[in-house]
Amino acid sequence: MSNSDADLDRPRIGVLALQGDFAAHAQALEEAGAEAVEVRKPSELEGLDGLILPGGESTTFLKFLERDGFLESLQRFLAVKPAFGTCAGCILLARNVSHPAQESLALMDITVERNAYGRQIDSAIRTEETKLPGGPLEMVYIRAPRIAAVGDGVEVMAERDGFPVLVRQGRLLAATFHPELSSDRRVHQLFVNMVRDQSNSHREIESRRDG
């Protein structure tokens, strides 16, 4: 494999490193075959093929993002690049947020209820079936939101008690649990594959134009 082929096979994926367990996400990405990049300022979005929005506190995320034009840079990036939001990141991607209502990036056609499964003490580890190959998946929930509704273009890939917990819409992926806290890398592998597929498709289009 040439160096250029290796680069195509190992996409550069950022992890928004403002709060949350971004280091665990970075490790999961590396194990899934990507180059992980911690992102703390707008300029670090440059050259990335995709981005993970990790857990934490969604209102705190929004306050951080309002500084130095970060929110505008992030919105431009996410308008064209794949994104994966977990827990608070899922809230940020949602088109509608309730209990209580708050602003979001409004990119994904889902309605999310904040802290729907209770406080920190109500955290849980569940094992559920998914559309991913390989059998049931361990899911770690910490003050998890609930996806109350999904639009027609959203694929539900896993559920908990009848509610979606892993959803995909085109280049966007969201989970209400924390896959980075499990040793199972299938969710991160799915996202890496999504990023790789889009990057390769764009390169093929550019190659045809140049030809």
N, C-alpha and C. Protein backbone atom coordinates (compact mmCIF):
# COMPACT_ATOMS: atom_id res chain seq x y z
N MET A 1 0.84 -1.19 0.00
CA MET A 1 0.00 0.00 0.00
C MET A 1 0.88 1.25 0.00
N SER A 2 0.60 2.18 -0.91
CA SER A 2 1.36 3.41 -0.96
C SER A 2 0.96 4.32 0.18
N ASN A 3 1.77 5.38 0.42
CA ASN A 3 1.44 6.33 1.47
C ASN A 3 0.10 7.01 1.22
N SER A 4 -0.17 7.34 -0.05
CA SER A 4 -1.43 8.00 -0.37
C SER A 4 -2.61 7.07 -0.11
N ASP A 5 -2.47 5.78 -0.45
CA ASP A 5 -3.52 4.82 -0.18
C ASP A 5 -3.75 4.67 1.32
N ALA A 6 -2.66 4.67 2.08
CA ALA A 6 -2.78 4.56 3.54
C ALA A 6 -3.51 5.76 4.11
N ASP A 7 -3.24 6.96 3.57
CA ASP A 7 -3.92 8.16 4.04
C ASP A 7 -5.42 8.07 3.79
N LEU A 8 -5.79 7.55 2.61
CA LEU A 8 -7.20 7.40 2.29
C LEU A 8 -7.88 6.44 3.26
N ASP A 9 -7.16 5.43 3.70
CA ASP A 9 -7.73 4.40 4.55
C ASP A 9 -7.77 4.80 6.02
N ARG A 10 -7.07 5.89 6.39
CA ARG A 10 -7.00 6.33 7.79
C ARG A 10 -7.44 7.79 7.88
N PRO A 11 -8.73 8.02 7.91
CA PRO A 11 -9.23 9.41 7.92
C PRO A 11 -8.84 10.14 9.20
N ARG A 12 -8.73 11.47 9.11
CA ARG A 12 -8.45 12.32 10.27
C ARG A 12 -9.78 12.79 10.84
N ILE A 13 -10.07 12.32 12.04
CA ILE A 13 -11.35 12.64 12.67
C ILE A 13 -11.11 13.40 13.96
N GLY A 14 -11.75 14.54 14.10
CA GLY A 14 -11.61 15.35 15.28
C GLY A 14 -12.55 14.92 16.39
N VAL A 15 -12.15 15.24 17.62
CA VAL A 15 -13.01 15.08 18.78
C VAL A 15 -13.07 16.43 19.48
N LEU A 16 -14.26 16.99 19.60
CA LEU A 16 -14.40 18.28 20.26
C LEU A 16 -13.96 18.14 21.72
N ALA A 17 -12.83 18.74 22.06
CA ALA A 17 -12.18 18.49 23.35
C ALA A 17 -12.38 19.66 24.31
N LEU A 18 -13.63 20.09 24.45
CA LEU A 18 -13.96 21.19 25.35
C LEU A 18 -14.39 20.67 26.72
N GLN A 19 -14.99 19.49 26.75
CA GLN A 19 -15.39 18.81 27.99
C GLN A 19 -15.77 17.39 27.61
N GLY A 20 -16.14 16.59 28.61
CA GLY A 20 -16.50 15.21 28.33
C GLY A 20 -15.27 14.32 28.20
N ASP A 21 -15.50 13.03 27.98
CA ASP A 21 -14.40 12.08 27.91
C ASP A 21 -13.87 11.99 26.48
N PHE A 22 -13.32 13.10 26.01
CA PHE A 22 -12.83 13.16 24.64
C PHE A 22 -11.62 12.24 24.42
N ALA A 23 -10.83 12.01 25.48
CA ALA A 23 -9.66 11.12 25.34
C ALA A 23 -10.09 9.69 25.05
N ALA A 24 -11.18 9.25 25.67
CA ALA A 24 -11.69 7.90 25.41
C ALA A 24 -12.21 7.78 23.98
N HIS A 25 -12.84 8.83 23.48
CA HIS A 25 -13.28 8.84 22.07
C HIS A 25 -12.07 8.76 21.14
N ALA A 26 -11.03 9.52 21.46
CA ALA A 26 -9.84 9.52 20.62
C ALA A 26 -9.22 8.13 20.56
N GLN A 27 -9.15 7.46 21.71
CA GLN A 27 -8.60 6.11 21.74
C GLN A 27 -9.45 5.15 20.92
N ALA A 28 -10.77 5.28 21.05
CA ALA A 28 -11.68 4.42 20.29
C ALA A 28 -11.51 4.63 18.78
N LEU A 29 -11.34 5.88 18.37
CA LEU A 29 -11.13 6.17 16.95
C LEU A 29 -9.84 5.54 16.44
N GLU A 30 -8.77 5.67 17.22
CA GLU A 30 -7.49 5.08 16.82
C GLU A 30 -7.63 3.57 16.67
N GLU A 31 -8.34 2.94 17.60
CA GLU A 31 -8.52 1.48 17.54
C GLU A 31 -9.41 1.08 16.37
N ALA A 32 -10.25 2.01 15.91
CA ALA A 32 -11.13 1.73 14.78
C ALA A 32 -10.48 2.10 13.44
N GLY A 33 -9.23 2.55 13.47
CA GLY A 33 -8.50 2.77 12.23
C GLY A 33 -8.43 4.19 11.74
N ALA A 34 -8.75 5.16 12.60
CA ALA A 34 -8.67 6.57 12.21
C ALA A 34 -7.53 7.26 12.94
N GLU A 35 -7.16 8.43 12.44
CA GLU A 35 -6.25 9.32 13.15
C GLU A 35 -7.11 10.30 13.95
N ALA A 36 -6.99 10.27 15.28
CA ALA A 36 -7.81 11.13 16.13
C ALA A 36 -7.10 12.45 16.41
N VAL A 37 -7.86 13.55 16.34
CA VAL A 37 -7.32 14.89 16.56
C VAL A 37 -8.21 15.61 17.57
N GLU A 38 -7.66 16.03 18.70
CA GLU A 38 -8.43 16.78 19.68
C GLU A 38 -8.59 18.22 19.20
N VAL A 39 -9.82 18.72 19.23
CA VAL A 39 -10.15 20.04 18.69
C VAL A 39 -10.59 20.96 19.83
N ARG A 40 -9.83 22.05 20.02
CA ARG A 40 -10.15 23.01 21.08
C ARG A 40 -10.36 24.43 20.56
N LYS A 41 -10.07 24.65 19.28
CA LYS A 41 -10.28 25.98 18.70
C LYS A 41 -10.67 25.83 17.24
N PRO A 42 -11.31 26.85 16.68
CA PRO A 42 -11.85 26.74 15.32
C PRO A 42 -10.82 26.34 14.27
N SER A 43 -9.60 26.85 14.36
CA SER A 43 -8.60 26.57 13.34
C SER A 43 -8.25 25.09 13.25
N GLU A 44 -8.50 24.35 14.34
CA GLU A 44 -8.15 22.92 14.36
C GLU A 44 -9.16 22.06 13.62
N LEU A 45 -10.22 22.65 13.12
CA LEU A 45 -11.16 21.93 12.26
C LEU A 45 -10.60 21.75 10.85
N GLU A 46 -9.64 22.58 10.50
CA GLU A 46 -9.06 22.56 9.15
C GLU A 46 -8.42 21.20 8.85
N GLY A 47 -8.78 20.64 7.70
CA GLY A 47 -8.17 19.39 7.26
C GLY A 47 -8.77 18.13 7.84
N LEU A 48 -9.81 18.26 8.65
CA LEU A 48 -10.43 17.07 9.23
C LEU A 48 -11.47 16.49 8.27
N ASP A 49 -11.66 15.17 8.38
CA ASP A 49 -12.64 14.48 7.54
C ASP A 49 -13.96 14.27 8.25
N GLY A 50 -14.00 14.44 9.57
CA GLY A 50 -15.23 14.24 10.35
C GLY A 50 -14.99 14.71 11.77
N LEU A 51 -16.05 14.67 12.59
CA LEU A 51 -15.94 15.20 13.95
C LEU A 51 -16.88 14.46 14.89
N ILE A 52 -16.38 14.20 16.11
CA ILE A 52 -17.22 13.65 17.18
C ILE A 52 -17.54 14.76 18.18
N LEU A 53 -18.81 14.86 18.54
CA LEU A 53 -19.28 15.76 19.60
C LEU A 53 -19.55 14.87 20.81
N PRO A 54 -18.71 14.90 21.83
CA PRO A 54 -18.82 13.94 22.93
C PRO A 54 -19.86 14.34 23.96
N GLY A 55 -19.95 13.53 25.03
CA GLY A 55 -20.85 13.83 26.12
C GLY A 55 -20.33 14.97 26.96
N GLY A 56 -21.11 15.36 27.95
CA GLY A 56 -20.78 16.48 28.81
C GLY A 56 -22.07 17.19 29.17
N GLU A 57 -22.05 18.50 29.18
CA GLU A 57 -23.24 19.31 29.44
C GLU A 57 -23.49 20.18 28.23
N SER A 58 -24.63 19.96 27.58
CA SER A 58 -24.88 20.61 26.30
C SER A 58 -24.93 22.13 26.41
N THR A 59 -25.49 22.66 27.50
CA THR A 59 -25.53 24.11 27.65
C THR A 59 -24.12 24.69 27.83
N THR A 60 -23.24 23.94 28.51
CA THR A 60 -21.85 24.38 28.68
C THR A 60 -21.14 24.36 27.33
N PHE A 61 -21.40 23.32 26.53
CA PHE A 61 -20.83 23.27 25.18
C PHE A 61 -21.18 24.53 24.41
N LEU A 62 -22.46 24.91 24.45
CA LEU A 62 -22.90 26.07 23.69
C LEU A 62 -22.19 27.35 24.15
N LYS A 63 -21.96 27.48 25.45
CA LYS A 63 -21.25 28.66 25.96
C LYS A 63 -19.82 28.70 25.45
N PHE A 64 -19.13 27.54 25.47
CA PHE A 64 -17.77 27.47 24.93
C PHE A 64 -17.75 27.84 23.45
N LEU A 65 -18.74 27.33 22.71
CA LEU A 65 -18.76 27.51 21.26
C LEU A 65 -19.08 28.94 20.84
N GLU A 66 -19.65 29.72 21.74
CA GLU A 66 -19.98 31.10 21.41
C GLU A 66 -18.75 32.00 21.39
N ARG A 67 -17.60 31.49 21.84
CA ARG A 67 -16.38 32.29 21.88
C ARG A 67 -15.60 32.21 20.55
N ASP A 68 -15.00 33.30 20.18
CA ASP A 68 -14.04 33.35 19.07
C ASP A 68 -14.60 32.83 17.74
N GLY A 69 -15.90 32.94 17.54
CA GLY A 69 -16.49 32.49 16.29
C GLY A 69 -16.50 30.99 16.11
N PHE A 70 -16.33 30.24 17.21
CA PHE A 70 -16.24 28.78 17.11
C PHE A 70 -17.54 28.19 16.57
N LEU A 71 -18.68 28.70 17.04
CA LEU A 71 -19.97 28.15 16.62
C LEU A 71 -20.17 28.27 15.12
N GLU A 72 -19.82 29.44 14.57
CA GLU A 72 -19.98 29.64 13.13
C GLU A 72 -19.05 28.72 12.34
N SER A 73 -17.83 28.55 12.81
CA SER A 73 -16.88 27.64 12.13
C SER A 73 -17.37 26.21 12.19
N LEU A 74 -17.92 25.83 13.34
CA LEU A 74 -18.44 24.47 13.49
C LEU A 74 -19.64 24.23 12.58
N GLN A 75 -20.52 25.21 12.48
CA GLN A 75 -21.68 25.06 11.61
C GLN A 75 -21.28 24.91 10.15
N ARG A 76 -20.28 25.68 9.72
CA ARG A 76 -19.79 25.55 8.33
C ARG A 76 -19.18 24.17 8.11
N PHE A 77 -18.43 23.68 9.08
CA PHE A 77 -17.80 22.37 8.97
C PHE A 77 -18.85 21.27 8.88
N LEU A 78 -19.84 21.32 9.79
CA LEU A 78 -20.83 20.25 9.87
C LEU A 78 -21.85 20.30 8.74
N ALA A 79 -21.86 21.40 7.99
CA ALA A 79 -22.76 21.48 6.84
C ALA A 79 -22.34 20.52 5.73
N VAL A 80 -21.07 20.09 5.75
CA VAL A 80 -20.56 19.24 4.67
C VAL A 80 -19.83 17.98 5.15
N LYS A 81 -19.44 17.92 6.41
CA LYS A 81 -18.63 16.80 6.91
C LYS A 81 -19.44 15.90 7.86
N PRO A 82 -19.10 14.63 7.96
CA PRO A 82 -19.79 13.72 8.88
C PRO A 82 -19.57 14.10 10.34
N ALA A 83 -20.59 13.83 11.16
CA ALA A 83 -20.51 14.12 12.58
C ALA A 83 -21.17 12.99 13.37
N PHE A 84 -20.64 12.75 14.56
CA PHE A 84 -21.17 11.74 15.47
C PHE A 84 -21.34 12.38 16.84
N GLY A 85 -22.57 12.46 17.33
CA GLY A 85 -22.83 13.06 18.63
C GLY A 85 -23.25 12.01 19.64
N THR A 86 -22.61 11.99 20.81
CA THR A 86 -22.97 11.06 21.87
C THR A 86 -23.47 11.83 23.08
N CYS A 87 -24.61 11.41 23.63
CA CYS A 87 -25.21 12.01 24.82
C CYS A 87 -25.41 13.52 24.61
N ALA A 88 -24.62 14.39 25.23
CA ALA A 88 -24.77 15.83 25.00
C ALA A 88 -24.56 16.18 23.53
N GLY A 89 -23.66 15.46 22.86
CA GLY A 89 -23.44 15.68 21.43
C GLY A 89 -24.68 15.36 20.61
N CYS A 90 -25.43 14.36 21.04
CA CYS A 90 -26.70 14.02 20.39
C CYS A 90 -27.68 15.18 20.54
N ILE A 91 -27.71 15.79 21.73
CA ILE A 91 -28.58 16.94 21.96
C ILE A 91 -28.20 18.09 21.04
N LEU A 92 -26.91 18.34 20.89
CA LEU A 92 -26.44 19.44 20.04
C LEU A 92 -26.83 19.24 18.58
N LEU A 93 -26.85 17.99 18.11
CA LEU A 93 -27.19 17.72 16.72
C LEU A 93 -28.69 17.80 16.45
N ALA A 94 -29.51 17.63 17.48
CA ALA A 94 -30.96 17.50 17.31
C ALA A 94 -31.61 18.77 16.79
N ARG A 95 -32.62 18.59 15.97
CA ARG A 95 -33.38 19.74 15.46
C ARG A 95 -34.27 20.35 16.55
N ASN A 96 -34.81 19.50 17.44
CA ASN A 96 -35.67 19.97 18.52
C ASN A 96 -35.17 19.42 19.85
N VAL A 97 -35.09 20.28 20.87
CA VAL A 97 -34.64 19.89 22.21
C VAL A 97 -35.68 20.36 23.21
N SER A 98 -36.06 19.45 24.14
CA SER A 98 -37.08 19.80 25.13
C SER A 98 -36.66 19.34 26.53
N HIS A 99 -37.47 19.78 27.52
CA HIS A 99 -37.30 19.38 28.93
C HIS A 99 -35.94 19.76 29.53
N PRO A 100 -35.55 21.01 29.62
CA PRO A 100 -36.20 22.16 28.99
C PRO A 100 -35.68 22.41 27.58
N ALA A 101 -36.39 23.28 26.88
CA ALA A 101 -35.96 23.62 25.52
C ALA A 101 -34.64 24.38 25.55
N GLN A 102 -33.83 24.20 24.51
CA GLN A 102 -32.59 24.97 24.39
C GLN A 102 -32.18 25.02 22.93
N GLU A 103 -31.24 25.88 22.62
CA GLU A 103 -30.74 25.99 21.26
C GLU A 103 -29.88 24.77 20.93
N SER A 104 -29.71 24.53 19.65
CA SER A 104 -28.88 23.42 19.19
C SER A 104 -28.36 23.76 17.80
N LEU A 105 -27.59 22.84 17.24
CA LEU A 105 -27.11 23.01 15.87
C LEU A 105 -28.19 22.68 14.84
N ALA A 106 -29.23 21.95 15.29
CA ALA A 106 -30.42 21.68 14.47
C ALA A 106 -30.09 21.03 13.13
N LEU A 107 -29.23 20.04 13.15
CA LEU A 107 -28.80 19.38 11.92
C LEU A 107 -29.51 18.06 11.64
N MET A 108 -29.96 17.41 12.69
CA MET A 108 -30.52 16.06 12.56
C MET A 108 -32.01 16.09 12.89
N ASP A 109 -32.81 15.40 12.09
CA ASP A 109 -34.27 15.47 12.24
C ASP A 109 -34.74 14.55 13.37
N ILE A 110 -34.35 14.92 14.59
CA ILE A 110 -34.76 14.18 15.77
C ILE A 110 -35.20 15.16 16.85
N THR A 111 -36.08 14.70 17.74
CA THR A 111 -36.48 15.47 18.92
C THR A 111 -35.91 14.78 20.15
N VAL A 112 -35.17 15.52 20.97
CA VAL A 112 -34.47 14.94 22.11
C VAL A 112 -34.96 15.58 23.41
N GLU A 113 -35.21 14.74 24.42
CA GLU A 113 -35.56 15.20 25.76
C GLU A 113 -34.33 15.07 26.64
N ARG A 114 -33.93 16.16 27.27
CA ARG A 114 -32.72 16.17 28.08
C ARG A 114 -32.94 15.42 29.41
N ASN A 115 -31.89 14.72 29.86
CA ASN A 115 -31.89 14.04 31.17
C ASN A 115 -33.15 13.20 31.40
N ALA A 116 -33.63 12.56 30.34
CA ALA A 116 -34.89 11.83 30.42
C ALA A 116 -34.81 10.59 31.31
N TYR A 117 -33.62 10.05 31.49
CA TYR A 117 -33.47 8.83 32.29
C TYR A 117 -32.99 9.12 33.71
N GLY A 118 -33.14 10.38 34.15
CA GLY A 118 -32.84 10.68 35.53
C GLY A 118 -31.47 11.29 35.75
N ARG A 119 -31.08 11.32 37.03
CA ARG A 119 -29.84 11.95 37.44
C ARG A 119 -28.65 10.99 37.30
N GLN A 120 -27.49 11.46 37.74
CA GLN A 120 -26.26 10.64 37.67
C GLN A 120 -26.46 9.30 38.35
N ILE A 121 -27.20 9.30 39.47
CA ILE A 121 -27.40 8.07 40.24
C ILE A 121 -28.21 7.04 39.46
N ASP A 122 -28.95 7.51 38.45
CA ASP A 122 -29.78 6.61 37.64
C ASP A 122 -29.04 6.08 36.41
N SER A 123 -27.74 6.29 36.36
CA SER A 123 -26.94 5.77 35.24
C SER A 123 -27.01 4.25 35.21
N ALA A 124 -26.83 3.68 34.01
CA ALA A 124 -27.00 2.23 33.87
C ALA A 124 -26.18 1.71 32.71
N ILE A 125 -25.91 0.42 32.74
CA ILE A 125 -25.28 -0.29 31.62
C ILE A 125 -26.29 -1.31 31.12
N ARG A 126 -26.63 -1.21 29.86
CA ARG A 126 -27.60 -2.12 29.25
C ARG A 126 -26.94 -2.84 28.08
N THR A 127 -27.51 -3.96 27.70
CA THR A 127 -27.08 -4.69 26.51
C THR A 127 -28.29 -4.88 25.61
N GLU A 128 -28.21 -4.36 24.40
CA GLU A 128 -29.35 -4.37 23.48
C GLU A 128 -28.94 -4.84 22.10
N GLU A 129 -29.93 -5.34 21.36
CA GLU A 129 -29.72 -5.68 19.96
C GLU A 129 -29.62 -4.41 19.12
N THR A 130 -28.85 -4.47 18.05
CA THR A 130 -28.72 -3.33 17.13
C THR A 130 -28.72 -3.85 15.69
N LYS A 131 -28.65 -2.93 14.75
CA LYS A 131 -28.51 -3.30 13.34
C LYS A 131 -27.06 -3.55 12.96
N LEU A 132 -26.14 -3.34 13.91
CA LEU A 132 -24.73 -3.61 13.65
C LEU A 132 -24.48 -5.12 13.68
N PRO A 133 -23.59 -5.62 12.84
CA PRO A 133 -23.25 -7.04 12.91
C PRO A 133 -22.46 -7.33 14.18
N GLY A 134 -22.57 -8.57 14.66
CA GLY A 134 -21.76 -8.96 15.80
C GLY A 134 -22.51 -9.21 17.10
N GLY A 135 -23.84 -9.17 17.06
CA GLY A 135 -24.61 -9.49 18.26
C GLY A 135 -24.91 -8.28 19.12
N PRO A 136 -25.48 -8.51 20.32
CA PRO A 136 -25.89 -7.42 21.22
C PRO A 136 -24.73 -6.50 21.57
N LEU A 137 -25.06 -5.25 21.86
CA LEU A 137 -24.08 -4.21 22.13
C LEU A 137 -24.23 -3.69 23.55
N GLU A 138 -23.10 -3.56 24.26
CA GLU A 138 -23.12 -2.94 25.58
C GLU A 138 -23.29 -1.44 25.44
N MET A 139 -24.19 -0.86 26.25
CA MET A 139 -24.48 0.57 26.18
C MET A 139 -24.41 1.17 27.57
N VAL A 140 -23.56 2.19 27.72
CA VAL A 140 -23.36 2.86 29.01
C VAL A 140 -24.15 4.17 28.99
N TYR A 141 -25.10 4.31 29.93
CA TYR A 141 -25.94 5.51 30.00
C TYR A 141 -25.57 6.32 31.24
N ILE A 142 -25.29 7.62 31.05
CA ILE A 142 -24.99 8.53 32.15
C ILE A 142 -25.80 9.81 31.95
N ARG A 143 -26.81 10.03 32.79
CA ARG A 143 -27.70 11.19 32.64
C ARG A 143 -28.14 11.32 31.19
N ALA A 144 -28.61 10.23 30.65
CA ALA A 144 -28.85 10.15 29.20
C ALA A 144 -30.08 10.91 28.76
N PRO A 145 -30.01 11.53 27.59
CA PRO A 145 -31.20 12.09 26.96
C PRO A 145 -32.02 10.97 26.32
N ARG A 146 -33.21 11.32 25.87
CA ARG A 146 -34.04 10.34 25.16
C ARG A 146 -34.45 10.92 23.82
N ILE A 147 -34.32 10.12 22.78
CA ILE A 147 -34.81 10.52 21.46
C ILE A 147 -36.30 10.21 21.42
N ALA A 148 -37.12 11.26 21.49
CA ALA A 148 -38.56 11.08 21.59
C ALA A 148 -39.23 10.89 20.24
N ALA A 149 -38.61 11.41 19.18
CA ALA A 149 -39.19 11.29 17.84
C ALA A 149 -38.10 11.42 16.80
N VAL A 150 -38.31 10.76 15.65
CA VAL A 150 -37.37 10.85 14.54
C VAL A 150 -38.13 11.18 13.26
N GLY A 151 -37.46 11.87 12.34
CA GLY A 151 -38.06 12.19 11.05
C GLY A 151 -37.99 11.01 10.10
N ASP A 152 -38.63 11.18 8.94
CA ASP A 152 -38.73 10.08 7.97
C ASP A 152 -37.37 9.65 7.44
N GLY A 153 -36.40 10.57 7.38
CA GLY A 153 -35.10 10.23 6.82
C GLY A 153 -34.10 9.69 7.81
N VAL A 154 -34.54 9.40 9.04
CA VAL A 154 -33.64 8.94 10.09
C VAL A 154 -33.78 7.44 10.27
N GLU A 155 -32.66 6.73 10.22
CA GLU A 155 -32.64 5.28 10.42
C GLU A 155 -32.39 4.98 11.90
N VAL A 156 -33.28 4.21 12.50
CA VAL A 156 -33.11 3.78 13.89
C VAL A 156 -32.30 2.49 13.90
N MET A 157 -31.12 2.52 14.52
CA MET A 157 -30.22 1.38 14.51
C MET A 157 -30.23 0.59 15.82
N ALA A 158 -30.80 1.18 16.88
CA ALA A 158 -30.94 0.47 18.15
C ALA A 158 -31.98 1.19 19.00
N GLU A 159 -32.61 0.44 19.91
CA GLU A 159 -33.63 1.01 20.78
C GLU A 159 -33.42 0.56 22.22
N ARG A 160 -33.99 1.36 23.14
CA ARG A 160 -34.08 0.99 24.55
C ARG A 160 -35.50 1.28 25.00
N ASP A 161 -36.20 0.26 25.44
CA ASP A 161 -37.58 0.40 25.92
C ASP A 161 -38.47 1.09 24.89
N GLY A 162 -38.24 0.77 23.62
CA GLY A 162 -39.08 1.31 22.56
C GLY A 162 -38.67 2.67 22.04
N PHE A 163 -37.62 3.28 22.61
CA PHE A 163 -37.14 4.58 22.15
C PHE A 163 -35.79 4.41 21.44
N PRO A 164 -35.56 5.16 20.35
CA PRO A 164 -34.28 5.06 19.66
C PRO A 164 -33.12 5.51 20.54
N VAL A 165 -32.00 4.80 20.44
CA VAL A 165 -30.78 5.19 21.18
C VAL A 165 -29.57 5.32 20.26
N LEU A 166 -29.69 4.82 19.04
CA LEU A 166 -28.64 4.96 18.03
C LEU A 166 -29.32 5.22 16.71
N VAL A 167 -29.04 6.39 16.11
CA VAL A 167 -29.74 6.78 14.88
C VAL A 167 -28.74 7.34 13.87
N ARG A 168 -29.13 7.21 12.60
CA ARG A 168 -28.28 7.72 11.53
C ARG A 168 -29.15 8.46 10.52
N GLN A 169 -28.65 9.59 10.04
CA GLN A 169 -29.29 10.34 8.97
C GLN A 169 -28.20 10.81 8.02
N GLY A 170 -28.03 10.11 6.93
CA GLY A 170 -26.99 10.47 5.97
C GLY A 170 -25.60 10.43 6.59
N ARG A 171 -24.92 11.57 6.62
CA ARG A 171 -23.56 11.64 7.15
C ARG A 171 -23.54 11.86 8.66
N LEU A 172 -24.71 11.89 9.30
CA LEU A 172 -24.81 12.17 10.74
C LEU A 172 -25.17 10.91 11.52
N LEU A 173 -24.53 10.74 12.68
CA LEU A 173 -24.77 9.61 13.56
C LEU A 173 -24.94 10.16 14.97
N ALA A 174 -25.86 9.58 15.75
CA ALA A 174 -26.07 10.05 17.12
C ALA A 174 -26.44 8.88 18.02
N ALA A 175 -25.94 8.95 19.27
CA ALA A 175 -26.23 7.93 20.28
C ALA A 175 -26.54 8.61 21.60
N THR A 176 -27.51 8.08 22.34
CA THR A 176 -27.81 8.64 23.66
C THR A 176 -26.95 8.00 24.75
N PHE A 177 -26.18 6.98 24.39
CA PHE A 177 -25.29 6.31 25.34
C PHE A 177 -23.84 6.68 25.02
N HIS A 178 -22.91 6.10 25.77
CA HIS A 178 -21.49 6.43 25.65
C HIS A 178 -20.70 5.22 25.11
N PRO A 179 -20.57 5.06 23.80
CA PRO A 179 -19.83 3.90 23.27
C PRO A 179 -18.35 3.95 23.58
N GLU A 180 -17.82 5.14 23.88
CA GLU A 180 -16.40 5.27 24.20
C GLU A 180 -16.05 4.64 25.54
N LEU A 181 -17.06 4.40 26.40
CA LEU A 181 -16.82 3.82 27.72
C LEU A 181 -16.94 2.30 27.72
N SER A 182 -17.18 1.72 26.57
CA SER A 182 -17.22 0.28 26.39
C SER A 182 -16.00 -0.16 25.59
N SER A 183 -15.62 -1.42 25.73
CA SER A 183 -14.49 -1.94 24.95
C SER A 183 -14.92 -2.33 23.53
N ASP A 184 -16.22 -2.34 23.27
CA ASP A 184 -16.76 -2.68 21.96
C ASP A 184 -16.64 -1.47 21.04
N ARG A 185 -15.93 -1.62 19.94
CA ARG A 185 -15.65 -0.49 19.06
C ARG A 185 -16.54 -0.45 17.81
N ARG A 186 -17.62 -1.19 17.78
CA ARG A 186 -18.41 -1.27 16.56
C ARG A 186 -19.09 0.05 16.18
N VAL A 187 -19.50 0.83 17.17
CA VAL A 187 -20.15 2.11 16.83
C VAL A 187 -19.13 3.08 16.26
N HIS A 188 -17.97 3.17 16.88
CA HIS A 188 -16.91 4.02 16.32
C HIS A 188 -16.45 3.52 14.96
N GLN A 189 -16.42 2.20 14.78
CA GLN A 189 -16.03 1.65 13.48
C GLN A 189 -17.04 2.04 12.41
N LEU A 190 -18.32 2.04 12.77
CA LEU A 190 -19.36 2.49 11.85
C LEU A 190 -19.10 3.92 11.42
N PHE A 191 -18.79 4.78 12.39
CA PHE A 191 -18.56 6.19 12.05
C PHE A 191 -17.30 6.37 11.21
N VAL A 192 -16.24 5.67 11.56
CA VAL A 192 -15.01 5.74 10.76
C VAL A 192 -15.30 5.31 9.32
N ASN A 193 -16.09 4.28 9.15
CA ASN A 193 -16.44 3.82 7.80
C ASN A 193 -17.26 4.87 7.06
N MET A 194 -18.18 5.53 7.78
CA MET A 194 -18.97 6.60 7.17
C MET A 194 -18.07 7.73 6.68
N VAL A 195 -17.12 8.13 7.53
CA VAL A 195 -16.19 9.20 7.16
C VAL A 195 -15.33 8.79 5.98
N ARG A 196 -14.82 7.58 6.04
CA ARG A 196 -13.95 7.07 4.97
C ARG A 196 -14.71 7.03 3.63
N ASP A 197 -15.95 6.56 3.67
CA ASP A 197 -16.74 6.47 2.44
C ASP A 197 -16.98 7.84 1.83
N GLN A 198 -17.32 8.83 2.67
CA GLN A 198 -17.57 10.17 2.13
C GLN A 198 -16.29 10.79 1.59
N SER A 199 -15.17 10.62 2.32
CA SER A 199 -13.90 11.19 1.86
C SER A 199 -13.49 10.59 0.52
N ASN A 200 -13.63 9.28 0.39
CA ASN A 200 -13.25 8.63 -0.85
C ASN A 200 -14.16 9.05 -2.01
N SER A 201 -15.46 9.23 -1.72
CA SER A 201 -16.39 9.67 -2.76
C SER A 201 -16.03 11.06 -3.26
N HIS A 202 -15.68 11.96 -2.32
CA HIS A 202 -15.30 13.31 -2.71
C HIS A 202 -14.02 13.30 -3.55
N ARG A 203 -13.06 12.46 -3.17
CA ARG A 203 -11.81 12.38 -3.93
C ARG A 203 -12.05 11.84 -5.34
N GLU A 204 -12.97 10.89 -5.46
CA GLU A 204 -13.28 10.35 -6.78
C GLU A 204 -13.91 11.42 -7.67
N ILE A 205 -14.81 12.23 -7.08
CA ILE A 205 -15.45 13.31 -7.84
C ILE A 205 -14.42 14.34 -8.29
N GLU A 206 -13.52 14.70 -7.37
CA GLU A 206 -12.47 15.68 -7.72
C GLU A 206 -11.53 15.13 -8.78
N SER A 207 -11.25 13.81 -8.71
CA SER A 207 -10.38 13.19 -9.69
C SER A 207 -11.01 13.22 -11.08
N ARG A 208 -12.31 12.99 -11.15
CA ARG A 208 -13.00 13.03 -12.45
C ARG A 208 -12.97 14.44 -13.03
N ARG A 209 -13.15 15.44 -12.13
CA ARG A 209 -13.12 16.83 -12.60
C ARG A 209 -11.75 17.19 -13.14
N ASP A 210 -10.70 16.75 -12.44
CA ASP A 210 -9.34 17.04 -12.87
C ASP A 210 -9.02 16.33 -14.18
N GLY A 211 -9.64 15.13 -14.36
CA GLY A 211 -9.37 14.36 -15.57
C GLY A 211 -10.05 14.95 -16.78
